N, C-alpha and C. Protein backbone atom coordinates (compact mmCIF):
# COMPACT_ATOMS: atom_id res chain seq x y z
N MET A 1 91.92 134.20 212.74
CA MET A 1 91.93 133.49 214.02
C MET A 1 90.77 132.51 214.09
N ASN A 2 91.07 131.25 214.04
CA ASN A 2 90.04 130.22 214.11
C ASN A 2 90.00 129.66 215.53
N LEU A 3 88.98 130.03 216.30
CA LEU A 3 88.90 129.61 217.69
C LEU A 3 88.53 128.14 217.82
N ARG A 4 87.99 127.56 216.75
CA ARG A 4 87.70 126.12 216.75
C ARG A 4 88.50 125.49 215.61
N PRO A 5 89.78 125.16 215.84
CA PRO A 5 90.66 124.68 214.77
C PRO A 5 90.14 123.41 214.13
N ARG A 6 90.37 123.29 212.82
CA ARG A 6 89.92 122.11 212.10
C ARG A 6 90.55 120.83 212.65
N LYS A 7 91.83 120.95 213.06
CA LYS A 7 92.50 119.76 213.63
C LYS A 7 91.73 119.23 214.83
N MET A 8 91.25 120.13 215.69
CA MET A 8 90.52 119.68 216.87
C MET A 8 89.17 119.08 216.48
N GLN A 9 88.57 119.62 215.42
CA GLN A 9 87.31 119.05 214.97
C GLN A 9 87.52 117.62 214.46
N VAL A 10 88.63 117.39 213.77
CA VAL A 10 88.94 116.05 213.28
C VAL A 10 89.23 115.11 214.46
N LEU A 11 90.05 115.58 215.41
CA LEU A 11 90.35 114.76 216.58
C LEU A 11 89.09 114.45 217.37
N GLY A 12 88.13 115.37 217.34
CA GLY A 12 86.89 115.16 218.06
C GLY A 12 86.07 114.00 217.53
N TRP A 13 86.36 113.57 216.30
CA TRP A 13 85.66 112.40 215.75
C TRP A 13 86.17 111.10 216.35
N LEU A 14 87.35 111.12 216.95
CA LEU A 14 87.93 109.91 217.52
C LEU A 14 87.24 109.58 218.84
N PRO A 15 87.26 108.32 219.24
CA PRO A 15 86.66 107.95 220.53
C PRO A 15 87.33 108.68 221.68
N ASP A 16 86.53 109.05 222.67
CA ASP A 16 87.07 109.76 223.82
C ASP A 16 88.13 108.94 224.55
N ALA A 17 88.05 107.63 224.42
CA ALA A 17 89.05 106.77 225.05
C ALA A 17 90.44 106.99 224.47
N LEU A 18 90.51 107.52 223.24
CA LEU A 18 91.80 107.79 222.60
C LEU A 18 92.20 109.25 222.73
N VAL A 19 91.28 110.14 222.36
CA VAL A 19 91.55 111.58 222.38
C VAL A 19 90.32 112.30 222.92
N SER A 20 90.53 113.18 223.87
CA SER A 20 89.44 113.96 224.44
C SER A 20 89.59 115.42 224.01
N THR A 21 88.54 115.97 223.42
CA THR A 21 88.56 117.38 223.03
C THR A 21 87.45 118.18 223.70
N ARG A 22 86.45 117.53 224.26
CA ARG A 22 85.31 118.22 224.86
C ARG A 22 84.97 117.58 226.18
N GLY A 23 84.19 118.31 226.97
CA GLY A 23 83.69 117.78 228.23
C GLY A 23 82.18 117.61 228.17
N ALA A 24 81.60 117.24 229.29
CA ALA A 24 80.15 117.08 229.36
C ALA A 24 79.46 118.43 229.18
N ARG A 25 78.35 118.42 228.47
CA ARG A 25 77.64 119.67 228.16
C ARG A 25 76.57 120.01 229.19
N ALA A 26 76.32 119.12 230.13
CA ALA A 26 75.24 119.33 231.09
C ALA A 26 75.47 120.60 231.90
N ASP A 27 74.38 121.26 232.22
CA ASP A 27 74.40 122.46 233.07
C ASP A 27 75.28 123.56 232.52
N LYS A 28 75.42 123.62 231.21
CA LYS A 28 76.19 124.68 230.55
C LYS A 28 77.61 124.78 231.13
N ALA A 29 78.27 123.66 231.24
CA ALA A 29 79.62 123.63 231.78
C ALA A 29 80.63 124.12 230.74
N LEU A 30 81.57 124.93 231.17
CA LEU A 30 82.76 125.28 230.40
C LEU A 30 83.97 124.77 231.15
N TYR A 31 84.97 124.31 230.41
CA TYR A 31 86.17 123.75 231.02
C TYR A 31 87.38 124.62 230.67
N LEU A 32 87.77 125.45 231.63
CA LEU A 32 88.94 126.29 231.46
C LEU A 32 90.19 125.46 231.70
N THR A 33 91.13 125.50 230.75
CA THR A 33 92.39 124.77 230.92
C THR A 33 93.55 125.72 230.63
N PHE A 34 94.61 125.58 231.42
CA PHE A 34 95.76 126.48 231.32
C PHE A 34 97.04 125.65 231.19
N ASP A 35 97.83 125.97 230.19
CA ASP A 35 99.07 125.25 229.92
C ASP A 35 100.30 126.04 230.36
N ASP A 36 101.40 125.29 230.52
CA ASP A 36 102.78 125.81 230.59
C ASP A 36 103.21 126.36 231.94
N GLY A 37 102.35 126.43 232.92
CA GLY A 37 102.74 126.92 234.24
C GLY A 37 103.28 125.82 235.13
N PRO A 38 103.40 126.15 236.43
CA PRO A 38 103.02 127.42 237.03
C PRO A 38 104.09 128.51 236.83
N ASP A 39 103.62 129.74 236.77
CA ASP A 39 104.49 130.89 236.61
C ASP A 39 104.44 131.73 237.88
N HIS A 40 105.58 132.14 238.38
CA HIS A 40 105.64 132.80 239.68
C HIS A 40 104.90 134.13 239.71
N ALA A 41 104.84 134.83 238.57
CA ALA A 41 104.20 136.15 238.54
C ALA A 41 102.74 136.09 238.09
N CYS A 42 102.46 135.31 237.06
CA CYS A 42 101.13 135.34 236.43
C CYS A 42 100.13 134.37 237.07
N THR A 43 100.59 133.20 237.50
CA THR A 43 99.65 132.21 238.02
C THR A 43 98.93 132.68 239.28
N PRO A 44 99.59 133.32 240.25
CA PRO A 44 98.85 133.76 241.45
C PRO A 44 97.72 134.73 241.14
N VAL A 45 97.95 135.64 240.19
CA VAL A 45 96.90 136.61 239.83
C VAL A 45 95.72 135.88 239.19
N LEU A 46 96.02 134.91 238.34
CA LEU A 46 94.96 134.12 237.72
C LEU A 46 94.18 133.34 238.77
N LEU A 47 94.88 132.74 239.72
CA LEU A 47 94.20 131.99 240.77
C LEU A 47 93.29 132.89 241.61
N ASP A 48 93.75 134.10 241.86
CA ASP A 48 92.90 135.06 242.59
C ASP A 48 91.61 135.33 241.81
N LEU A 49 91.73 135.50 240.50
CA LEU A 49 90.55 135.78 239.67
C LEU A 49 89.59 134.59 239.67
N LEU A 50 90.12 133.40 239.51
CA LEU A 50 89.27 132.21 239.50
C LEU A 50 88.55 132.05 240.83
N ARG A 51 89.26 132.29 241.92
CA ARG A 51 88.64 132.19 243.24
C ARG A 51 87.51 133.21 243.41
N ALA A 52 87.72 134.42 242.89
CA ALA A 52 86.70 135.46 243.00
C ALA A 52 85.41 135.06 242.28
N HIS A 53 85.55 134.26 241.22
CA HIS A 53 84.38 133.84 240.43
C HIS A 53 83.94 132.42 240.78
N GLN A 54 84.55 131.83 241.81
CA GLN A 54 84.23 130.45 242.21
C GLN A 54 84.32 129.50 241.01
N ALA A 55 85.40 129.69 240.25
CA ALA A 55 85.61 128.90 239.02
C ALA A 55 86.68 127.84 239.26
N SER A 56 86.37 126.63 238.85
CA SER A 56 87.36 125.55 238.89
C SER A 56 87.96 125.40 237.49
N ALA A 57 89.21 124.98 237.44
CA ALA A 57 89.91 124.86 236.16
C ALA A 57 90.89 123.69 236.22
N SER A 58 91.46 123.38 235.07
CA SER A 58 92.49 122.34 234.97
C SER A 58 93.79 123.00 234.52
N PHE A 59 94.87 122.69 235.22
CA PHE A 59 96.17 123.26 234.91
C PHE A 59 97.10 122.16 234.40
N PHE A 60 97.50 122.27 233.13
CA PHE A 60 98.43 121.31 232.53
C PHE A 60 99.84 121.86 232.75
N LEU A 61 100.54 121.24 233.70
CA LEU A 61 101.77 121.81 234.24
C LEU A 61 103.02 121.18 233.65
N VAL A 62 104.06 121.98 233.54
CA VAL A 62 105.37 121.53 233.09
C VAL A 62 106.16 121.13 234.33
N GLY A 63 106.73 119.92 234.31
CA GLY A 63 107.35 119.37 235.50
C GLY A 63 108.43 120.24 236.12
N ARG A 64 109.30 120.80 235.32
CA ARG A 64 110.38 121.61 235.89
C ARG A 64 109.83 122.89 236.52
N GLN A 65 108.69 123.38 236.02
CA GLN A 65 108.06 124.53 236.65
C GLN A 65 107.40 124.14 237.97
N VAL A 66 106.90 122.93 238.04
CA VAL A 66 106.35 122.42 239.30
C VAL A 66 107.44 122.40 240.37
N GLU A 67 108.62 121.95 240.00
CA GLU A 67 109.73 121.89 240.96
C GLU A 67 110.14 123.29 241.41
N ARG A 68 110.01 124.27 240.55
CA ARG A 68 110.40 125.64 240.89
C ARG A 68 109.37 126.33 241.78
N HIS A 69 108.09 125.97 241.60
CA HIS A 69 107.03 126.70 242.30
C HIS A 69 106.03 125.73 242.94
N PRO A 70 106.48 124.87 243.84
CA PRO A 70 105.56 123.88 244.44
C PRO A 70 104.43 124.52 245.23
N GLU A 71 104.68 125.71 245.78
CA GLU A 71 103.64 126.36 246.59
C GLU A 71 102.42 126.72 245.73
N LEU A 72 102.64 127.01 244.45
CA LEU A 72 101.52 127.33 243.57
C LEU A 72 100.72 126.07 243.24
N VAL A 73 101.40 124.96 243.09
CA VAL A 73 100.69 123.70 242.82
C VAL A 73 99.87 123.31 244.05
N GLN A 74 100.44 123.48 245.22
CA GLN A 74 99.69 123.20 246.46
C GLN A 74 98.44 124.08 246.53
N ARG A 75 98.57 125.32 246.14
CA ARG A 75 97.41 126.22 246.16
C ARG A 75 96.36 125.76 245.16
N MET A 76 96.77 125.34 243.97
CA MET A 76 95.80 124.86 242.99
C MET A 76 94.96 123.73 243.56
N VAL A 77 95.62 122.77 244.16
CA VAL A 77 94.90 121.62 244.72
C VAL A 77 93.99 122.06 245.86
N ALA A 78 94.50 122.92 246.74
CA ALA A 78 93.73 123.37 247.89
C ALA A 78 92.47 124.13 247.46
N GLU A 79 92.54 124.80 246.32
CA GLU A 79 91.40 125.62 245.87
C GLU A 79 90.52 124.89 244.87
N GLY A 80 90.71 123.58 244.75
CA GLY A 80 89.77 122.76 243.98
C GLY A 80 90.03 122.64 242.50
N HIS A 81 91.23 123.01 242.05
CA HIS A 81 91.58 122.86 240.65
C HIS A 81 92.16 121.47 240.39
N ARG A 82 92.20 121.09 239.14
CA ARG A 82 92.70 119.77 238.76
C ARG A 82 94.05 119.92 238.07
N LEU A 83 94.96 118.99 238.38
CA LEU A 83 96.30 119.02 237.80
C LEU A 83 96.35 118.13 236.56
N GLY A 84 97.02 118.62 235.52
CA GLY A 84 97.26 117.85 234.31
C GLY A 84 98.74 117.83 233.98
N ASN A 85 99.13 116.89 233.15
CA ASN A 85 100.53 116.65 232.79
C ASN A 85 100.81 117.28 231.42
N HIS A 86 101.82 118.14 231.38
CA HIS A 86 102.19 118.80 230.11
C HIS A 86 103.67 118.55 229.80
N SER A 87 104.18 117.41 230.26
CA SER A 87 105.56 116.97 230.09
C SER A 87 106.46 117.64 231.11
N TYR A 88 107.72 117.21 231.16
CA TYR A 88 108.66 117.73 232.14
C TYR A 88 109.40 118.97 231.66
N THR A 89 109.82 118.99 230.39
CA THR A 89 110.60 120.12 229.88
C THR A 89 109.93 120.85 228.72
N HIS A 90 108.73 120.41 228.31
CA HIS A 90 108.01 121.01 227.19
C HIS A 90 108.80 120.92 225.89
N PRO A 91 109.28 119.72 225.52
CA PRO A 91 110.00 119.58 224.25
C PRO A 91 109.02 119.39 223.09
N TYR A 92 109.57 119.32 221.90
CA TYR A 92 108.76 119.03 220.71
C TYR A 92 108.69 117.51 220.57
N PHE A 93 107.55 116.92 220.90
CA PHE A 93 107.44 115.46 220.94
C PHE A 93 107.63 114.81 219.57
N GLY A 94 107.40 115.57 218.50
CA GLY A 94 107.53 114.99 217.18
C GLY A 94 108.96 114.61 216.83
N GLN A 95 109.93 115.09 217.62
CA GLN A 95 111.33 114.79 217.35
C GLN A 95 111.96 113.91 218.42
N LEU A 96 111.14 113.37 219.33
CA LEU A 96 111.67 112.54 220.40
C LEU A 96 111.31 111.07 220.18
N PRO A 97 112.22 110.16 220.51
CA PRO A 97 111.85 108.75 220.49
C PRO A 97 110.82 108.47 221.59
N LEU A 98 110.07 107.39 221.43
CA LEU A 98 109.01 107.08 222.38
C LEU A 98 109.54 106.99 223.80
N ALA A 99 110.70 106.38 224.00
CA ALA A 99 111.23 106.22 225.35
C ALA A 99 111.42 107.57 226.03
N ARG A 100 111.88 108.56 225.28
CA ARG A 100 112.09 109.88 225.86
C ARG A 100 110.75 110.57 226.14
N GLN A 101 109.79 110.37 225.26
CA GLN A 101 108.46 110.93 225.51
C GLN A 101 107.89 110.37 226.81
N LEU A 102 108.01 109.07 226.99
CA LEU A 102 107.46 108.44 228.18
C LEU A 102 108.19 108.90 229.44
N HIS A 103 109.50 109.13 229.32
CA HIS A 103 110.24 109.65 230.47
C HIS A 103 109.71 111.03 230.87
N GLU A 104 109.44 111.88 229.89
CA GLU A 104 108.89 113.21 230.16
C GLU A 104 107.54 113.11 230.88
N ILE A 105 106.71 112.18 230.43
CA ILE A 105 105.37 112.02 231.00
C ILE A 105 105.45 111.41 232.39
N ASP A 106 106.21 110.33 232.53
CA ASP A 106 106.27 109.61 233.81
C ASP A 106 106.89 110.47 234.91
N ALA A 107 107.94 111.23 234.56
CA ALA A 107 108.58 112.08 235.57
C ALA A 107 107.60 113.12 236.10
N THR A 108 106.78 113.67 235.21
CA THR A 108 105.82 114.69 235.64
C THR A 108 104.67 114.07 236.41
N ASP A 109 104.21 112.89 236.00
CA ASP A 109 103.17 112.21 236.76
C ASP A 109 103.62 111.96 238.20
N ARG A 110 104.87 111.55 238.37
CA ARG A 110 105.37 111.29 239.73
C ARG A 110 105.41 112.57 240.55
N LEU A 111 105.82 113.65 239.93
CA LEU A 111 105.83 114.94 240.64
C LEU A 111 104.42 115.34 241.08
N LEU A 112 103.48 115.27 240.15
CA LEU A 112 102.12 115.71 240.45
C LEU A 112 101.46 114.83 241.49
N ALA A 113 101.79 113.54 241.49
CA ALA A 113 101.19 112.62 242.46
C ALA A 113 101.53 113.03 243.89
N GLY A 114 102.67 113.69 244.06
CA GLY A 114 103.03 114.16 245.39
C GLY A 114 102.13 115.26 245.90
N PHE A 115 101.36 115.88 245.02
CA PHE A 115 100.45 116.95 245.42
C PHE A 115 99.01 116.49 245.54
N ASP A 116 98.57 115.64 244.61
CA ASP A 116 97.15 115.27 244.62
C ASP A 116 96.90 113.77 244.81
N GLY A 117 97.96 112.97 244.89
CA GLY A 117 97.80 111.54 245.12
C GLY A 117 97.30 110.76 243.92
N VAL A 118 97.21 111.41 242.76
CA VAL A 118 96.72 110.75 241.55
C VAL A 118 97.90 110.13 240.81
N ARG A 119 97.77 108.87 240.42
CA ARG A 119 98.89 108.18 239.77
C ARG A 119 99.06 108.60 238.32
N HIS A 120 97.98 108.60 237.57
CA HIS A 120 98.02 108.97 236.15
C HIS A 120 97.15 110.21 235.93
N HIS A 121 97.75 111.24 235.38
CA HIS A 121 97.03 112.49 235.12
C HIS A 121 96.68 112.58 233.63
N ARG A 122 95.70 113.39 233.34
CA ARG A 122 95.45 113.71 231.94
C ARG A 122 96.73 114.30 231.34
N PHE A 123 97.03 113.88 230.12
CA PHE A 123 98.24 114.36 229.46
C PHE A 123 97.88 115.15 228.22
N ARG A 124 98.45 116.34 228.12
CA ARG A 124 98.31 117.18 226.93
C ARG A 124 99.70 117.37 226.32
N PRO A 125 99.92 116.91 225.09
CA PRO A 125 101.25 117.02 224.49
C PRO A 125 101.65 118.48 224.27
N PRO A 126 102.91 118.81 224.52
CA PRO A 126 103.38 120.16 224.21
C PRO A 126 103.13 120.52 222.75
N ARG A 127 102.58 121.70 222.53
CA ARG A 127 102.25 122.21 221.20
C ARG A 127 101.21 121.34 220.49
N GLY A 128 100.61 120.41 221.21
CA GLY A 128 99.61 119.55 220.61
C GLY A 128 100.16 118.47 219.70
N VAL A 129 101.48 118.23 219.74
CA VAL A 129 102.12 117.28 218.83
C VAL A 129 102.30 115.94 219.53
N PHE A 130 101.86 114.87 218.87
CA PHE A 130 102.10 113.53 219.41
C PHE A 130 102.41 112.58 218.26
N SER A 131 103.07 111.49 218.60
CA SER A 131 103.42 110.49 217.59
C SER A 131 102.41 109.35 217.62
N PRO A 132 102.23 108.64 216.50
CA PRO A 132 101.37 107.45 216.52
C PRO A 132 101.81 106.44 217.57
N ALA A 133 103.13 106.34 217.80
CA ALA A 133 103.64 105.39 218.80
C ALA A 133 103.14 105.74 220.19
N LEU A 134 103.11 107.02 220.51
CA LEU A 134 102.61 107.43 221.83
C LEU A 134 101.11 107.18 221.94
N ALA A 135 100.37 107.50 220.89
CA ALA A 135 98.92 107.26 220.92
C ALA A 135 98.63 105.78 221.12
N LEU A 136 99.38 104.91 220.44
CA LEU A 136 99.19 103.47 220.60
C LEU A 136 99.56 103.03 222.02
N HIS A 137 100.67 103.54 222.52
CA HIS A 137 101.09 103.18 223.88
C HIS A 137 100.01 103.56 224.89
N PHE A 138 99.45 104.74 224.76
CA PHE A 138 98.39 105.18 225.66
C PHE A 138 97.14 104.32 225.50
N ALA A 139 96.77 104.04 224.26
CA ALA A 139 95.54 103.28 224.01
C ALA A 139 95.61 101.90 224.65
N VAL A 140 96.76 101.25 224.54
CA VAL A 140 96.92 99.91 225.11
C VAL A 140 96.74 99.97 226.63
N ARG A 141 97.14 101.08 227.23
CA ARG A 141 97.08 101.22 228.69
C ARG A 141 95.84 101.96 229.17
N GLY A 142 94.92 102.21 228.26
CA GLY A 142 93.66 102.83 228.65
C GLY A 142 93.76 104.30 229.00
N ARG A 143 94.80 104.97 228.52
CA ARG A 143 94.92 106.41 228.75
C ARG A 143 94.59 107.15 227.46
N ASN A 144 94.15 108.39 227.61
CA ASN A 144 93.87 109.16 226.40
C ASN A 144 94.68 110.45 226.39
N LEU A 145 94.71 111.11 225.27
CA LEU A 145 95.34 112.41 225.11
C LEU A 145 94.27 113.48 225.25
N THR A 146 94.55 114.51 226.01
CA THR A 146 93.56 115.55 226.28
C THR A 146 93.90 116.81 225.49
N TYR A 147 92.99 117.20 224.63
CA TYR A 147 93.18 118.39 223.81
C TYR A 147 92.17 119.46 224.22
N TRP A 148 91.60 120.12 223.28
CA TRP A 148 90.68 121.22 223.52
C TRP A 148 89.76 121.34 222.31
N SER A 149 88.69 122.09 222.47
CA SER A 149 87.79 122.34 221.34
C SER A 149 87.75 123.82 220.97
N TYR A 150 88.27 124.67 221.87
CA TYR A 150 88.16 126.12 221.69
C TYR A 150 89.51 126.74 222.07
N ASN A 151 90.15 127.38 221.10
CA ASN A 151 91.50 127.92 221.29
C ASN A 151 91.41 129.44 221.45
N SER A 152 91.77 129.92 222.63
CA SER A 152 91.65 131.36 222.90
C SER A 152 92.66 132.20 222.13
N MET A 153 93.72 131.57 221.61
CA MET A 153 94.79 132.27 220.90
C MET A 153 95.52 133.28 221.80
N ASP A 154 95.52 133.05 223.10
CA ASP A 154 96.15 134.01 224.01
C ASP A 154 97.67 134.04 223.89
N TYR A 155 98.25 133.09 223.17
CA TYR A 155 99.71 133.03 223.01
C TYR A 155 100.20 133.84 221.81
N LEU A 156 99.31 134.47 221.06
CA LEU A 156 99.71 135.18 219.85
C LEU A 156 100.22 136.59 220.12
N ARG A 157 100.21 136.99 221.37
CA ARG A 157 100.70 138.33 221.77
C ARG A 157 99.91 139.45 221.10
N ARG A 158 98.63 139.21 220.90
CA ARG A 158 97.76 140.26 220.40
C ARG A 158 97.09 140.96 221.58
N PRO A 159 96.60 142.18 221.39
CA PRO A 159 95.98 142.90 222.50
C PRO A 159 94.80 142.11 223.07
N PRO A 160 94.68 142.04 224.39
CA PRO A 160 93.54 141.34 224.98
C PRO A 160 92.21 141.84 224.47
N THR A 161 92.10 143.13 224.17
CA THR A 161 90.83 143.67 223.65
C THR A 161 90.45 143.02 222.33
N GLU A 162 91.45 142.69 221.51
CA GLU A 162 91.17 142.02 220.24
C GLU A 162 90.67 140.60 220.47
N LEU A 163 91.29 139.89 221.43
CA LEU A 163 90.85 138.53 221.73
C LEU A 163 89.44 138.53 222.33
N ILE A 164 89.17 139.49 223.19
CA ILE A 164 87.84 139.59 223.79
C ILE A 164 86.79 139.82 222.70
N ARG A 165 87.09 140.70 221.79
CA ARG A 165 86.14 140.97 220.70
C ARG A 165 85.88 139.71 219.90
N ARG A 166 86.94 139.00 219.57
CA ARG A 166 86.79 137.79 218.76
C ARG A 166 86.02 136.71 219.52
N MET A 167 86.27 136.57 220.81
CA MET A 167 85.59 135.54 221.60
C MET A 167 84.14 135.91 221.85
N ARG A 168 83.82 137.18 221.80
CA ARG A 168 82.41 137.57 221.87
C ARG A 168 81.70 137.25 220.55
N GLU A 169 82.42 137.42 219.45
CA GLU A 169 81.83 137.12 218.14
C GLU A 169 81.61 135.62 217.95
N VAL A 170 82.53 134.82 218.49
CA VAL A 170 82.43 133.35 218.40
C VAL A 170 82.46 132.81 219.83
N PRO A 171 81.37 132.90 220.56
CA PRO A 171 81.38 132.52 221.97
C PRO A 171 81.49 131.00 222.16
N PRO A 172 82.00 130.57 223.29
CA PRO A 172 82.07 129.13 223.56
C PRO A 172 80.69 128.54 223.76
N ARG A 173 80.61 127.23 223.54
CA ARG A 173 79.36 126.49 223.70
C ARG A 173 79.48 125.57 224.90
N PRO A 174 78.35 125.10 225.44
CA PRO A 174 78.42 124.17 226.57
C PRO A 174 79.30 122.95 226.23
N GLY A 175 80.14 122.58 227.16
CA GLY A 175 81.02 121.44 226.98
C GLY A 175 82.36 121.76 226.36
N GLU A 176 82.58 123.02 225.94
CA GLU A 176 83.85 123.37 225.32
C GLU A 176 84.99 123.26 226.33
N VAL A 177 86.12 122.74 225.85
CA VAL A 177 87.38 122.77 226.60
C VAL A 177 88.18 123.93 226.02
N ILE A 178 88.43 124.95 226.83
CA ILE A 178 89.04 126.19 226.37
C ILE A 178 90.54 126.17 226.66
N LEU A 179 91.32 126.34 225.63
CA LEU A 179 92.79 126.38 225.77
C LEU A 179 93.25 127.80 226.09
N MET A 180 93.97 127.92 227.23
CA MET A 180 94.57 129.19 227.61
C MET A 180 95.94 128.88 228.23
N HIS A 181 96.65 129.91 228.66
CA HIS A 181 97.99 129.74 229.22
C HIS A 181 98.14 130.62 230.45
N ASP A 182 98.91 130.11 231.43
CA ASP A 182 99.12 130.90 232.64
C ASP A 182 100.59 131.29 232.83
N ASP A 183 101.37 131.23 231.73
CA ASP A 183 102.76 131.70 231.81
C ASP A 183 102.88 133.13 231.27
N GLY A 184 101.75 133.79 231.09
CA GLY A 184 101.67 135.19 230.69
C GLY A 184 100.38 135.76 231.26
N ASP A 185 100.19 137.07 231.14
CA ASP A 185 99.02 137.68 231.76
C ASP A 185 97.85 137.88 230.81
N CYS A 186 97.99 137.48 229.55
CA CYS A 186 96.93 137.73 228.58
C CYS A 186 95.63 137.02 228.97
N SER A 187 95.72 135.75 229.37
CA SER A 187 94.50 135.01 229.69
C SER A 187 93.77 135.66 230.86
N THR A 188 94.52 136.13 231.86
CA THR A 188 93.87 136.78 233.01
C THR A 188 93.18 138.06 232.57
N ARG A 189 93.81 138.83 231.73
CA ARG A 189 93.22 140.11 231.27
C ARG A 189 91.96 139.85 230.45
N VAL A 190 91.96 138.77 229.68
CA VAL A 190 90.77 138.42 228.91
C VAL A 190 89.66 137.95 229.84
N LEU A 191 90.01 137.09 230.79
CA LEU A 191 89.00 136.52 231.67
C LEU A 191 88.44 137.53 232.67
N GLU A 192 89.20 138.56 232.98
CA GLU A 192 88.67 139.61 233.84
C GLU A 192 87.37 140.19 233.27
N THR A 193 87.27 140.20 231.96
CA THR A 193 86.06 140.69 231.29
C THR A 193 85.07 139.57 231.02
N LEU A 194 85.55 138.44 230.51
CA LEU A 194 84.64 137.43 229.99
C LEU A 194 84.04 136.51 231.05
N LEU A 195 84.72 136.27 232.15
CA LEU A 195 84.16 135.36 233.15
C LEU A 195 82.81 135.87 233.64
N GLY A 196 82.71 137.16 233.92
CA GLY A 196 81.44 137.71 234.37
C GLY A 196 80.36 137.61 233.31
N GLU A 197 80.73 137.85 232.06
CA GLU A 197 79.75 137.75 230.97
C GLU A 197 79.28 136.32 230.79
N TRP A 198 80.22 135.38 230.86
CA TRP A 198 79.84 133.97 230.70
C TRP A 198 78.97 133.50 231.86
N LYS A 199 79.28 133.94 233.07
CA LYS A 199 78.44 133.59 234.22
C LYS A 199 77.03 134.14 234.04
N ALA A 200 76.94 135.38 233.56
CA ALA A 200 75.63 136.00 233.35
C ALA A 200 74.82 135.25 232.29
N ALA A 201 75.54 134.59 231.36
CA ALA A 201 74.87 133.80 230.32
C ALA A 201 74.50 132.40 230.81
N GLY A 202 74.81 132.10 232.08
CA GLY A 202 74.40 130.82 232.65
C GLY A 202 75.46 129.75 232.67
N PHE A 203 76.67 130.08 232.27
CA PHE A 203 77.73 129.08 232.28
C PHE A 203 78.30 128.89 233.69
N ARG A 204 78.80 127.68 233.94
CA ARG A 204 79.58 127.41 235.14
C ARG A 204 80.92 126.85 234.71
N PHE A 205 81.91 126.97 235.55
CA PHE A 205 83.30 126.66 235.17
C PHE A 205 83.78 125.45 235.97
N CYS A 206 84.12 124.40 235.23
CA CYS A 206 84.41 123.11 235.85
C CYS A 206 85.83 122.64 235.49
N ALA A 207 86.40 121.85 236.38
CA ALA A 207 87.64 121.15 236.07
C ALA A 207 87.31 119.86 235.33
N LEU A 208 88.19 119.46 234.45
CA LEU A 208 87.99 118.18 233.76
C LEU A 208 88.04 117.04 234.77
N PRO A 209 87.27 115.98 234.56
CA PRO A 209 87.34 114.84 235.48
C PRO A 209 88.70 114.17 235.40
N HIS A 210 89.03 113.42 236.45
CA HIS A 210 90.30 112.71 236.47
C HIS A 210 90.40 111.74 235.29
N ALA A 211 91.61 111.52 234.83
CA ALA A 211 91.85 110.51 233.80
C ALA A 211 91.59 109.13 234.39
N ARG A 212 91.19 108.20 233.54
CA ARG A 212 90.97 106.82 233.97
C ARG A 212 91.86 105.91 233.16
N SER A 213 92.66 105.13 233.84
CA SER A 213 93.57 104.21 233.16
C SER A 213 92.98 102.81 233.17
N ALA A 214 93.58 101.93 232.37
CA ALA A 214 93.15 100.53 232.34
C ALA A 214 93.33 99.89 233.71
N ASP A 215 94.40 100.25 234.41
CA ASP A 215 94.64 99.70 235.75
C ASP A 215 93.50 100.07 236.69
N GLN A 216 93.05 101.31 236.63
CA GLN A 216 91.96 101.75 237.49
C GLN A 216 90.67 101.02 237.16
N ARG A 217 90.41 100.83 235.86
CA ARG A 217 89.19 100.14 235.46
C ARG A 217 89.22 98.69 235.94
N ARG A 218 90.38 98.04 235.81
CA ARG A 218 90.48 96.65 236.28
C ARG A 218 90.28 96.57 237.79
N ALA A 219 90.81 97.56 238.52
CA ALA A 219 90.64 97.56 239.97
C ALA A 219 89.18 97.72 240.35
N ARG A 220 88.45 98.59 239.63
CA ARG A 220 87.02 98.77 239.92
C ARG A 220 86.25 97.51 239.58
N GLN A 221 86.61 96.88 238.47
CA GLN A 221 85.92 95.65 238.09
C GLN A 221 86.16 94.55 239.11
N ALA A 222 87.39 94.45 239.62
CA ALA A 222 87.71 93.44 240.61
C ALA A 222 86.95 93.70 241.91
N ALA A 223 86.85 94.99 242.27
CA ALA A 223 86.12 95.34 243.48
C ALA A 223 84.64 95.00 243.35
N SER A 224 84.09 95.26 242.15
CA SER A 224 82.67 94.94 241.92
C SER A 224 82.43 93.44 241.98
N SER A 225 83.36 92.65 241.41
CA SER A 225 83.23 91.20 241.42
C SER A 225 83.28 90.67 242.85
N SER A 226 84.19 91.25 243.65
CA SER A 226 84.32 90.81 245.04
C SER A 226 83.07 91.14 245.83
N ALA A 227 82.52 92.32 245.56
CA ALA A 227 81.32 92.74 246.28
C ALA A 227 80.13 91.87 245.91
N GLY A 228 80.13 91.39 244.64
CA GLY A 228 79.03 90.55 244.19
C GLY A 228 79.07 89.17 244.77
């Protein structure tokens, strides 16, 4: 079990404007991120745990799950969490033409905007797979792909005690973006133990900052020029 996959280390060499794998390291920040939800059974329990620890997180949501459980998305926003885009149906992007990939992304962005008012959300490709065409399309528009630097392996269906042991042996570092999932209870069972330990070690739990698109940058530049 490699909690810091080599692929993520390689992606981490790329400019953050193209691919993001880490967050700011100041104040011993850790960035908890959860994929594939919201789930009607597991997500509420996880949200309760995060609230108990005053922890903020980022949720990379699947569009069709958003439509099924809008009340959970509303709760995420109300409790200070950040919404991310994880496609509409969670397909394998490596087998989709670019037009279909963009449809998956745009449909989910529109759904999420109804909850948080954000036009473009951070996008994490399903299974971490993306095509060069998508990366180029995003780069031209000033968007990046959001990955992770620390993989909890909570999707391997191994006992939570085993994952806890491994994560204690290889603990996260300041600025790590931690990959977890909220469509099962493994991440919650792991965090029930580790959140308190990480807090005692001085870590704080932050949501990733909003994505910035080229349109937003141009708007800020225009506003600055007008003010000048």
